[in-house]
N, C-alpha and C. Protein backbone atom coordinates (compact mmCIF):
# COMPACT_ATOMS: atom_id res chain seq x y z
N MET A 1 -52.23 75.35 75.00
CA MET A 1 -51.37 74.08 75.13
C MET A 1 -51.58 73.96 76.77
N GLN A 2 -51.88 72.53 76.65
CA GLN A 2 -51.76 72.24 78.48
C GLN A 2 -50.76 71.58 79.11
N LEU A 3 -50.21 72.51 80.14
CA LEU A 3 -48.97 71.85 80.75
C LEU A 3 -49.24 70.61 81.67
N THR A 4 -48.67 69.52 81.19
CA THR A 4 -49.03 68.45 82.03
C THR A 4 -47.56 67.86 82.58
N PRO A 5 -47.67 67.11 83.72
CA PRO A 5 -46.70 66.56 84.38
C PRO A 5 -45.32 65.98 83.19
N ASP A 6 -45.66 65.51 82.37
CA ASP A 6 -44.71 65.00 81.56
C ASP A 6 -43.59 66.37 80.82
N TRP A 7 -44.79 67.75 80.82
CA TRP A 7 -44.01 68.87 80.23
C TRP A 7 -43.27 69.05 81.39
N ILE A 8 -43.77 69.33 82.37
CA ILE A 8 -42.87 69.73 83.82
C ILE A 8 -41.75 69.11 84.00
N GLY A 9 -41.66 67.98 83.88
CA GLY A 9 -40.35 67.04 83.93
C GLY A 9 -39.76 67.55 82.64
N TRP A 10 -39.89 67.38 81.21
CA TRP A 10 -39.00 68.01 80.02
C TRP A 10 -38.70 69.45 80.91
N LEU A 11 -39.22 70.28 80.71
CA LEU A 11 -38.89 71.63 81.14
C LEU A 11 -37.80 71.34 82.29
N ALA A 12 -37.83 71.10 83.32
CA ALA A 12 -36.93 70.88 84.23
C ALA A 12 -35.73 70.30 83.99
N THR A 13 -35.76 69.05 83.03
CA THR A 13 -34.57 68.55 82.10
C THR A 13 -33.78 69.24 81.49
N ALA A 14 -34.61 70.00 80.69
CA ALA A 14 -33.82 71.07 79.51
C ALA A 14 -32.92 72.57 80.68
N ILE A 15 -33.66 72.83 81.48
CA ILE A 15 -32.74 73.98 82.51
C ILE A 15 -31.61 73.19 82.92
N PHE A 16 -31.88 72.00 83.70
CA PHE A 16 -30.88 71.33 84.31
C PHE A 16 -29.52 71.04 83.09
N LEU A 17 -29.79 70.90 82.10
CA LEU A 17 -28.67 70.45 81.10
C LEU A 17 -27.96 71.93 80.92
N GLY A 18 -29.36 73.15 80.71
CA GLY A 18 -28.64 73.88 79.96
C GLY A 18 -27.97 74.55 81.37
N SER A 19 -27.88 74.20 82.64
CA SER A 19 -27.14 74.70 83.49
C SER A 19 -25.81 74.67 83.20
N TYR A 20 -25.26 73.49 82.62
CA TYR A 20 -23.84 73.13 82.59
C TYR A 20 -23.20 73.86 81.49
N SER A 21 -24.41 75.26 80.99
CA SER A 21 -23.48 76.29 80.16
C SER A 21 -23.05 77.33 80.70
N CYS A 22 -23.33 77.44 81.95
CA CYS A 22 -23.20 78.14 83.18
C CYS A 22 -21.57 78.20 83.60
N LYS A 23 -20.69 79.68 83.29
CA LYS A 23 -19.33 79.69 83.17
C LYS A 23 -19.41 79.96 84.84
N ASP A 24 -19.90 80.62 85.72
CA ASP A 24 -19.91 80.97 86.84
C ASP A 24 -20.88 80.42 87.75
N GLN A 25 -19.94 79.79 88.97
CA GLN A 25 -20.62 78.41 89.90
C GLN A 25 -21.56 78.94 90.52
N GLY A 26 -21.79 80.26 91.33
CA GLY A 26 -22.85 80.34 91.65
C GLY A 26 -24.47 80.42 90.83
N ARG A 27 -23.86 81.00 89.62
CA ARG A 27 -25.14 80.65 88.89
C ARG A 27 -25.42 79.31 88.17
N LEU A 28 -24.48 78.72 87.92
CA LEU A 28 -24.68 77.22 87.53
C LEU A 28 -26.00 76.78 88.59
N ARG A 29 -25.24 76.73 90.10
CA ARG A 29 -26.19 76.46 91.22
C ARG A 29 -27.51 76.79 91.17
N ARG A 30 -27.42 78.02 90.75
CA ARG A 30 -28.90 79.03 91.11
C ARG A 30 -29.87 78.11 89.92
N VAL A 31 -29.31 77.71 88.65
CA VAL A 31 -29.83 77.51 87.65
C VAL A 31 -30.49 75.92 87.94
N GLN A 32 -29.24 75.40 88.26
CA GLN A 32 -29.68 74.06 88.95
C GLN A 32 -30.99 73.96 90.24
N ALA A 33 -31.13 74.81 90.97
CA ALA A 33 -31.98 75.20 92.03
C ALA A 33 -33.21 75.20 91.10
N VAL A 34 -33.57 75.96 90.25
CA VAL A 34 -34.38 75.97 89.75
C VAL A 34 -35.02 74.84 89.13
N ALA A 35 -34.60 74.13 88.33
CA ALA A 35 -34.76 72.87 87.86
C ALA A 35 -35.18 71.95 88.88
N ALA A 36 -34.46 71.97 89.96
CA ALA A 36 -34.69 71.40 90.99
C ALA A 36 -36.00 71.43 91.62
N VAL A 37 -36.44 72.88 91.60
CA VAL A 37 -37.67 73.06 92.13
C VAL A 37 -38.92 72.62 90.97
N LEU A 38 -38.59 72.38 89.66
CA LEU A 38 -39.40 72.13 89.06
C LEU A 38 -39.86 70.74 89.14
N TRP A 39 -38.57 69.96 89.47
CA TRP A 39 -38.44 68.62 89.52
C TRP A 39 -39.18 68.17 91.03
N MET A 40 -39.63 69.13 91.79
CA MET A 40 -40.23 69.03 93.11
C MET A 40 -41.62 69.11 92.65
N VAL A 41 -42.28 69.87 91.85
CA VAL A 41 -43.56 70.32 91.41
C VAL A 41 -43.90 68.95 90.61
N TYR A 42 -43.26 68.49 89.79
CA TYR A 42 -43.11 67.29 88.85
C TYR A 42 -43.69 66.29 90.11
N GLY A 43 -43.08 65.94 91.03
CA GLY A 43 -42.76 65.14 92.16
C GLY A 43 -44.40 65.01 93.26
N VAL A 44 -44.87 66.42 92.86
CA VAL A 44 -45.66 66.55 94.19
C VAL A 44 -47.00 66.09 93.16
N ILE A 45 -47.25 66.39 92.00
CA ILE A 45 -48.09 66.30 90.72
C ILE A 45 -48.27 64.65 90.79
N LEU A 46 -47.11 63.93 91.03
CA LEU A 46 -47.10 62.39 90.47
C LEU A 46 -47.33 61.82 92.06
N HIS A 47 -47.30 62.22 93.11
CA HIS A 47 -47.37 61.66 94.76
C HIS A 47 -46.42 61.07 94.53
N ALA A 48 -45.21 61.28 94.41
CA ALA A 48 -43.69 60.98 94.43
C ALA A 48 -42.88 61.44 94.66
N VAL A 49 -42.78 60.79 96.38
CA VAL A 49 -42.28 61.62 97.51
C VAL A 49 -40.42 61.37 97.50
N PRO A 50 -40.11 60.11 96.80
CA PRO A 50 -38.68 60.15 96.73
C PRO A 50 -38.40 61.39 95.92
N ILE A 51 -38.82 61.78 95.09
CA ILE A 51 -38.72 62.79 93.92
C ILE A 51 -38.56 64.15 94.33
N VAL A 52 -39.93 64.24 95.25
CA VAL A 52 -39.81 65.47 95.69
C VAL A 52 -38.67 65.94 96.98
N VAL A 53 -38.19 64.74 98.07
CA VAL A 53 -37.37 64.65 98.83
C VAL A 53 -36.33 65.39 98.21
N ALA A 54 -35.86 64.30 97.53
CA ALA A 54 -34.37 63.94 96.75
C ALA A 54 -34.17 65.70 95.99
N ASN A 55 -35.02 66.02 95.46
CA ASN A 55 -34.96 67.58 94.83
C ASN A 55 -35.38 68.48 95.80
N LEU A 56 -35.77 68.66 96.92
CA LEU A 56 -35.66 69.64 97.99
C LEU A 56 -34.61 69.40 98.59
N LEU A 57 -33.34 68.63 98.66
CA LEU A 57 -32.38 68.11 99.05
C LEU A 57 -31.42 69.12 98.19
N VAL A 58 -31.71 68.78 96.98
CA VAL A 58 -30.92 69.12 95.54
C VAL A 58 -30.92 70.88 95.48
N ALA A 59 -32.33 71.24 95.69
CA ALA A 59 -32.51 72.67 95.79
C ALA A 59 -31.73 73.28 97.04
N GLY A 60 -31.90 72.93 97.82
CA GLY A 60 -31.37 73.11 99.37
C GLY A 60 -30.07 73.68 99.29
N VAL A 61 -29.33 72.77 98.99
CA VAL A 61 -28.12 72.45 98.64
C VAL A 61 -27.29 73.88 97.59
N ALA A 62 -27.90 73.75 96.23
CA ALA A 62 -27.78 74.55 95.59
C ALA A 62 -27.50 75.90 95.83
N VAL A 63 -28.72 76.02 96.57
CA VAL A 63 -29.38 77.59 97.21
C VAL A 63 -28.18 78.00 97.79
N TYR A 64 -28.05 76.96 99.03
CA TYR A 64 -26.97 77.36 99.83
C TYR A 64 -25.62 77.54 99.54
N SER A 65 -24.75 76.75 98.61
CA SER A 65 -23.69 76.77 97.97
C SER A 65 -23.63 77.88 97.03
N SER A 66 -24.87 78.24 96.35
CA SER A 66 -24.15 79.24 95.50
C SER A 66 -24.37 81.21 96.00
N THR A 67 -25.01 80.73 97.37
CA THR A 67 -24.50 82.12 98.26
C THR A 67 -23.26 82.09 98.95
N GLN A 68 -22.62 81.07 98.99
CA GLN A 68 -21.30 80.60 99.03
C GLN A 68 -20.13 80.84 98.61
N THR A 69 -20.51 80.91 97.31
CA THR A 69 -19.53 81.42 95.90
C THR A 69 -19.95 82.70 95.40
N MET A 70 -20.83 83.57 95.83
CA MET A 70 -21.10 84.87 95.52
C MET A 70 -20.25 85.48 96.31
N GLY A 71 -19.63 86.47 95.42
CA GLY A 71 -18.83 87.69 95.85
C GLY A 71 -17.42 87.31 95.84
N ARG A 72 -16.89 86.04 95.74
CA ARG A 72 -15.69 85.52 94.99
C ARG A 72 -15.02 85.88 94.11
N THR A 73 -13.72 86.65 93.90
CA THR A 73 -13.18 86.50 92.66
C THR A 73 -12.05 85.88 92.40
N ARG A 74 -11.77 85.80 91.13
CA ARG A 74 -10.13 84.73 91.00
C ARG A 74 -9.07 85.22 92.00
N ALA A 75 -9.19 86.31 91.95
CA ALA A 75 -8.01 86.19 92.97
C ALA A 75 -8.09 86.06 94.60
N ASP A 76 -9.34 85.69 94.80
CA ASP A 76 -9.91 85.61 96.47
C ASP A 76 -9.30 84.24 97.02
N PRO A 77 -8.49 84.09 97.62
CA PRO A 77 -7.89 83.05 98.25
C PRO A 77 -8.54 81.92 98.90
N ARG A 78 -9.60 82.22 99.15
CA ARG A 78 -10.82 81.25 99.69
C ARG A 78 -11.42 80.22 98.74
N ARG A 79 -11.37 80.92 97.11
CA ARG A 79 -11.60 80.14 96.44
C ARG A 79 -11.17 78.84 96.01
N THR A 80 -11.74 77.67 95.77
CA THR A 80 -11.41 76.22 95.50
C THR A 80 -11.44 76.09 93.70
N VAL A 81 -10.79 75.07 93.35
CA VAL A 81 -10.65 74.87 92.31
C VAL A 81 -11.46 73.97 91.94
């Protein structure tokens, strides 16, 4: 089976959709970052700069925010709802 741009896009979609089953906020954001990276690959293959830039930003924010939520517990007063 050949991995075409369409398959990369569908895989990114499936991973992003699956991220909504994550209970932990940090894990949710890391999974979404993986999906965003796949979307960037898809955009690079298609030479679609807006797809690349948008998902570069999404991946960056997802990774950054996932590191901010790591180590927080339910009793942590800094935790937001």
